[in-house]
Amino acid sequence: MSLTELAQSIDITLANLSILKTGKARAIRFSTLSNLCKVLKCQPADILEWVDGDDET
């Protein structure tokens, strides 16, 4: 599935999907996460990773 097809399937812009893909997103809506998991047939833990934010200013 292309990024364009995925963006259309979960009803977000291609630009926002690219931000999620590159890890530059600072937040994600639960509805977007739910739609991603539904389309990709996965669980949130399959696409999310915990990164300790103590080093951020």
PDB file of N, CA and C in Angstrom:
ATOM      1  N   MET A   1       0.845  -1.172   0.000  1.00  0.00           N
ATOM      2  CA  MET A   1       0.000   0.000   0.000  1.00  0.00           C
ATOM      3  C   MET A   1       0.894   1.240   0.000  1.00  0.00           C
ATOM      4  N   SER A   2       0.580   2.169  -0.830  1.00  0.00           N
ATOM      5  CA  SER A   2       1.370   3.401  -0.898  1.00  0.00           C
ATOM      6  C   SER A   2       0.981   4.338   0.246  1.00  0.00           C
ATOM      7  N   LEU A   3       1.828   5.321   0.500  1.00  0.00           N
ATOM      8  CA  LEU A   3       1.513   6.310   1.532  1.00  0.00           C
ATOM      9  C   LEU A   3       0.254   7.088   1.162  1.00  0.00           C
ATOM     10  N   THR A   4       0.086   7.382  -0.103  1.00  0.00           N
ATOM     11  CA  THR A   4      -1.105   8.100  -0.556  1.00  0.00           C
ATOM     12  C   THR A   4      -2.362   7.289  -0.273  1.00  0.00           C
ATOM     13  N   GLU A   5      -2.328   5.993  -0.580  1.00  0.00           N
ATOM     14  CA  GLU A   5      -3.479   5.123  -0.313  1.00  0.00           C
ATOM     15  C   GLU A   5      -3.757   5.029   1.185  1.00  0.00           C
ATOM     16  N   LEU A   6      -2.706   4.908   1.979  1.00  0.00           N
ATOM     17  CA  LEU A   6      -2.871   4.824   3.428  1.00  0.00           C
ATOM     18  C   LEU A   6      -3.463   6.117   3.978  1.00  0.00           C
ATOM     19  N   ALA A   7      -2.946   7.246   3.540  1.00  0.00           N
ATOM     20  CA  ALA A   7      -3.462   8.545   3.995  1.00  0.00           C
ATOM     21  C   ALA A   7      -4.947   8.666   3.671  1.00  0.00           C
ATOM     22  N   GLN A   8      -5.332   8.266   2.478  1.00  0.00           N
ATOM     23  CA  GLN A   8      -6.741   8.326   2.095  1.00  0.00           C
ATOM     24  C   GLN A   8      -7.577   7.365   2.931  1.00  0.00           C
ATOM     25  N   SER A   9      -7.028   6.200   3.231  1.00  0.00           N
ATOM     26  CA  SER A   9      -7.759   5.188   3.999  1.00  0.00           C
ATOM     27  C   SER A   9      -8.030   5.637   5.432  1.00  0.00           C
ATOM     28  N   ILE A  10      -7.108   6.401   6.005  1.00  0.00           N
ATOM     29  CA  ILE A  10      -7.284   6.828   7.399  1.00  0.00           C
ATOM     30  C   ILE A  10      -7.728   8.285   7.498  1.00  0.00           C
ATOM     31  N   ASP A  11      -7.966   8.903   6.361  1.00  0.00           N
ATOM     32  CA  ASP A  11      -8.520  10.255   6.279  1.00  0.00           C
ATOM     33  C   ASP A  11      -7.633  11.319   6.942  1.00  0.00           C
ATOM     34  N   ILE A  12      -6.330  11.284   6.611  1.00  0.00           N
ATOM     35  CA  ILE A  12      -5.427  12.368   6.994  1.00  0.00           C
ATOM     36  C   ILE A  12      -4.642  12.793   5.753  1.00  0.00           C
ATOM     37  N   THR A  13      -4.009  13.944   5.848  1.00  0.00           N
ATOM     38  CA  THR A  13      -3.247  14.418   4.696  1.00  0.00           C
ATOM     39  C   THR A  13      -1.963  13.613   4.553  1.00  0.00           C
ATOM     40  N   LEU A  14      -1.450  13.592   3.348  1.00  0.00           N
ATOM     41  CA  LEU A  14      -0.186  12.917   3.086  1.00  0.00           C
ATOM     42  C   LEU A  14       0.936  13.569   3.889  1.00  0.00           C
ATOM     43  N   ALA A  15       0.892  14.883   4.035  1.00  0.00           N
ATOM     44  CA  ALA A  15       1.909  15.593   4.819  1.00  0.00           C
ATOM     45  C   ALA A  15       1.900  15.130   6.276  1.00  0.00           C
ATOM     46  N   ASN A  16       0.701  14.993   6.864  1.00  0.00           N
ATOM     47  CA  ASN A  16       0.625  14.542   8.258  1.00  0.00           C
ATOM     48  C   ASN A  16       1.057  13.089   8.404  1.00  0.00           C
ATOM     49  N   LEU A  17       0.747  12.263   7.428  1.00  0.00           N
ATOM     50  CA  LEU A  17       1.199  10.874   7.470  1.00  0.00           C
ATOM     51  C   LEU A  17       2.722  10.818   7.392  1.00  0.00           C
ATOM     52  N   SER A  18       3.317  11.659   6.579  1.00  0.00           N
ATOM     53  CA  SER A  18       4.775  11.707   6.470  1.00  0.00           C
ATOM     54  C   SER A  18       5.408  12.119   7.795  1.00  0.00           C
ATOM     55  N   ILE A  19       4.788  13.053   8.505  1.00  0.00           N
ATOM     56  CA  ILE A  19       5.284  13.470   9.818  1.00  0.00           C
ATOM     57  C   ILE A  19       5.236  12.297  10.790  1.00  0.00           C
ATOM     58  N   LEU A  20       4.153  11.537  10.756  1.00  0.00           N
ATOM     59  CA  LEU A  20       4.061  10.349  11.611  1.00  0.00           C
ATOM     60  C   LEU A  20       5.127   9.325  11.230  1.00  0.00           C
ATOM     61  N   LYS A  21       5.301   9.118   9.941  1.00  0.00           N
ATOM     62  CA  LYS A  21       6.254   8.113   9.440  1.00  0.00           C
ATOM     63  C   LYS A  21       7.691   8.425   9.839  1.00  0.00           C
ATOM     64  N   THR A  22       8.057   9.705   9.795  1.00  0.00           N
ATOM     65  CA  THR A  22       9.440  10.085  10.089  1.00  0.00           C
ATOM     66  C   THR A  22       9.717  10.227  11.577  1.00  0.00           C
ATOM     67  N   GLY A  23       8.668  10.098  12.397  1.00  0.00           N
ATOM     68  CA  GLY A  23       8.861  10.195  13.842  1.00  0.00           C
ATOM     69  C   GLY A  23       8.932  11.622  14.349  1.00  0.00           C
ATOM     70  N   LYS A  24       8.527  12.577  13.536  1.00  0.00           N
ATOM     71  CA  LYS A  24       8.591  13.982  13.942  1.00  0.00           C
ATOM     72  C   LYS A  24       7.312  14.465  14.622  1.00  0.00           C
ATOM     73  N   ALA A  25       6.302  13.612  14.666  1.00  0.00           N
ATOM     74  CA  ALA A  25       5.036  13.997  15.298  1.00  0.00           C
ATOM     75  C   ALA A  25       5.209  14.063  16.809  1.00  0.00           C
ATOM     76  N   ARG A  26       4.608  15.062  17.410  1.00  0.00           N
ATOM     77  CA  ARG A  26       4.672  15.205  18.858  1.00  0.00           C
ATOM     78  C   ARG A  26       3.416  14.649  19.522  1.00  0.00           C
ATOM     79  N   ALA A  27       2.414  14.324  18.723  1.00  0.00           N
ATOM     80  CA  ALA A  27       1.155  13.780  19.238  1.00  0.00           C
ATOM     81  C   ALA A  27       0.435  13.056  18.108  1.00  0.00           C
ATOM     82  N   ILE A  28      -0.511  12.213  18.497  1.00  0.00           N
ATOM     83  CA  ILE A  28      -1.368  11.538  17.525  1.00  0.00           C
ATOM     84  C   ILE A  28      -2.748  11.418  18.144  1.00  0.00           C
ATOM     85  N   ARG A  29      -3.764  11.673  17.361  1.00  0.00           N
ATOM     86  CA  ARG A  29      -5.132  11.528  17.845  1.00  0.00           C
ATOM     87  C   ARG A  29      -5.447  10.042  17.990  1.00  0.00           C
ATOM     88  N   PHE A  30      -6.243   9.717  19.014  1.00  0.00           N
ATOM     89  CA  PHE A  30      -6.642   8.327  19.194  1.00  0.00           C
ATOM     90  C   PHE A  30      -7.418   7.821  17.983  1.00  0.00           C
ATOM     91  N   SER A  31      -8.212   8.678  17.371  1.00  0.00           N
ATOM     92  CA  SER A  31      -8.970   8.246  16.194  1.00  0.00           C
ATOM     93  C   SER A  31      -8.033   7.907  15.033  1.00  0.00           C
ATOM     94  N   THR A  32      -6.951   8.666  14.874  1.00  0.00           N
ATOM     95  CA  THR A  32      -5.972   8.376  13.827  1.00  0.00           C
ATOM     96  C   THR A  32      -5.254   7.070  14.123  1.00  0.00           C
ATOM     97  N   LEU A  33      -4.862   6.884  15.377  1.00  0.00           N
ATOM     98  CA  LEU A  33      -4.198   5.637  15.780  1.00  0.00           C
ATOM     99  C   LEU A  33      -5.123   4.445  15.561  1.00  0.00           C
ATOM    100  N   SER A  34      -6.372   4.607  15.935  1.00  0.00           N
ATOM    101  CA  SER A  34      -7.350   3.536  15.746  1.00  0.00           C
ATOM    102  C   SER A  34      -7.525   3.202  14.267  1.00  0.00           C
ATOM    103  N   ASN A  35      -7.642   4.226  13.432  1.00  0.00           N
ATOM    104  CA  ASN A  35      -7.792   3.997  11.993  1.00  0.00           C
ATOM    105  C   ASN A  35      -6.549   3.346  11.394  1.00  0.00           C
ATOM    106  N   LEU A  36      -5.369   3.780  11.826  1.00  0.00           N
ATOM    107  CA  LEU A  36      -4.126   3.152  11.355  1.00  0.00           C
ATOM    108  C   LEU A  36      -4.118   1.664  11.689  1.00  0.00           C
ATOM    109  N   CYS A  37      -4.453   1.350  12.937  1.00  0.00           N
ATOM    110  CA  CYS A  37      -4.442  -0.053  13.359  1.00  0.00           C
ATOM    111  C   CYS A  37      -5.471  -0.878  12.606  1.00  0.00           C
ATOM    112  N   LYS A  38      -6.625  -0.276  12.352  1.00  0.00           N
ATOM    113  CA  LYS A  38      -7.675  -0.983  11.616  1.00  0.00           C
ATOM    114  C   LYS A  38      -7.225  -1.298  10.196  1.00  0.00           C
ATOM    115  N   VAL A  39      -6.674  -0.292   9.508  1.00  0.00           N
ATOM    116  CA  VAL A  39      -6.251  -0.470   8.116  1.00  0.00           C
ATOM    117  C   VAL A  39      -5.045  -1.397   8.017  1.00  0.00           C
ATOM    118  N   LEU A  40      -4.091  -1.259   8.942  1.00  0.00           N
ATOM    119  CA  LEU A  40      -2.873  -2.073   8.897  1.00  0.00           C
ATOM    120  C   LEU A  40      -3.018  -3.417   9.606  1.00  0.00           C
ATOM    121  N   LYS A  41      -4.182  -3.625  10.231  1.00  0.00           N
ATOM    122  CA  LYS A  41      -4.459  -4.870  10.962  1.00  0.00           C
ATOM    123  C   LYS A  41      -3.357  -5.158  11.983  1.00  0.00           C
ATOM    124  N   CYS A  42      -3.172  -4.182  12.875  1.00  0.00           N
ATOM    125  CA  CYS A  42      -2.132  -4.321  13.896  1.00  0.00           C
ATOM    126  C   CYS A  42      -2.635  -3.753  15.220  1.00  0.00           C
ATOM    127  N   GLN A  43      -1.794  -3.807  16.219  1.00  0.00           N
ATOM    128  CA  GLN A  43      -2.071  -3.228  17.533  1.00  0.00           C
ATOM    129  C   GLN A  43      -1.220  -1.973  17.692  1.00  0.00           C
ATOM    130  N   PRO A  44      -1.634  -1.033  18.560  1.00  0.00           N
ATOM    131  CA  PRO A  44      -0.846   0.187  18.749  1.00  0.00           C
ATOM    132  C   PRO A  44       0.627  -0.083  19.085  1.00  0.00           C
ATOM    133  N   ALA A  45       0.896  -1.095  19.869  1.00  0.00           N
ATOM    134  CA  ALA A  45       2.278  -1.409  20.244  1.00  0.00           C
ATOM    135  C   ALA A  45       3.124  -1.840  19.044  1.00  0.00           C
ATOM    136  N   ASP A  46       2.483  -2.240  17.969  1.00  0.00           N
ATOM    137  CA  ASP A  46       3.210  -2.634  16.763  1.00  0.00           C
ATOM    138  C   ASP A  46       3.784  -1.426  16.023  1.00  0.00           C
ATOM    139  N   ILE A  47       3.210  -0.235  16.257  1.00  0.00           N
ATOM    140  CA  ILE A  47       3.656   0.939  15.519  1.00  0.00           C
ATOM    141  C   ILE A  47       4.144   2.077  16.406  1.00  0.00           C
ATOM    142  N   LEU A  48       3.999   1.932  17.732  1.00  0.00           N
ATOM    143  CA  LEU A  48       4.464   2.966  18.659  1.00  0.00           C
ATOM    144  C   LEU A  48       5.676   2.473  19.432  1.00  0.00           C
ATOM    145  N   GLU A  49       6.526   3.416  19.790  1.00  0.00           N
ATOM    146  CA  GLU A  49       7.714   3.088  20.573  1.00  0.00           C
ATOM    147  C   GLU A  49       7.870   4.149  21.661  1.00  0.00           C
ATOM    148  N   TRP A  50       8.115   3.726  22.878  1.00  0.00           N
ATOM    149  CA  TRP A  50       8.354   4.645  23.986  1.00  0.00           C
ATOM    150  C   TRP A  50       9.786   5.158  23.916  1.00  0.00           C
ATOM    151  N   VAL A  51       9.940   6.483  23.947  1.00  0.00           N
ATOM    152  CA  VAL A  51      11.248   7.101  23.985  1.00  0.00           C
ATOM    153  C   VAL A  51      11.253   8.027  25.188  1.00  0.00           C
ATOM    154  N   ASP A  52      12.225   7.844  26.083  1.00  0.00           N
ATOM    155  CA  ASP A  52      12.308   8.654  27.288  1.00  0.00           C
ATOM    156  C   ASP A  52      12.485  10.114  26.908  1.00  0.00           C
ATOM    157  N   GLY A  53      11.599  10.979  27.369  1.00  0.00           N
ATOM    158  CA  GLY A  53      11.632  12.367  27.024  1.00  0.00           C
ATOM    159  C   GLY A  53      12.382  13.242  28.008  1.00  0.00           C
ATOM    160  N   ASP A  54      13.121  12.654  28.952  1.00  0.00           N
ATOM    161  CA  ASP A  54      13.851  13.428  29.956  1.00  0.00           C
ATOM    162  C   ASP A  54      14.919  14.325  29.348  1.00  0.00           C
ATOM    163  N   ASP A  55      15.413  13.977  28.166  1.00  0.00           N
ATOM    164  CA  ASP A  55      16.482  14.756  27.545  1.00  0.00           C
ATOM    165  C   ASP A  55      15.967  15.984  26.787  1.00  0.00           C
ATOM    166  N   GLU A  56      14.631  16.111  26.652  1.00  0.00           N
ATOM    167  CA  GLU A  56      14.073  17.237  25.930  1.00  0.00           C
ATOM    168  C   GLU A  56      14.080  18.488  26.798  1.00  0.00           C
ATOM    169  N   THR A  57      14.213  19.645  26.144  1.00  0.00           N
ATOM    170  CA  THR A  57      14.145  20.902  26.879  1.00  0.00           C
ATOM    171  C   THR A  57      12.811  21.565  26.690  1.00  0.00           C
TER     172      THR A  57
END
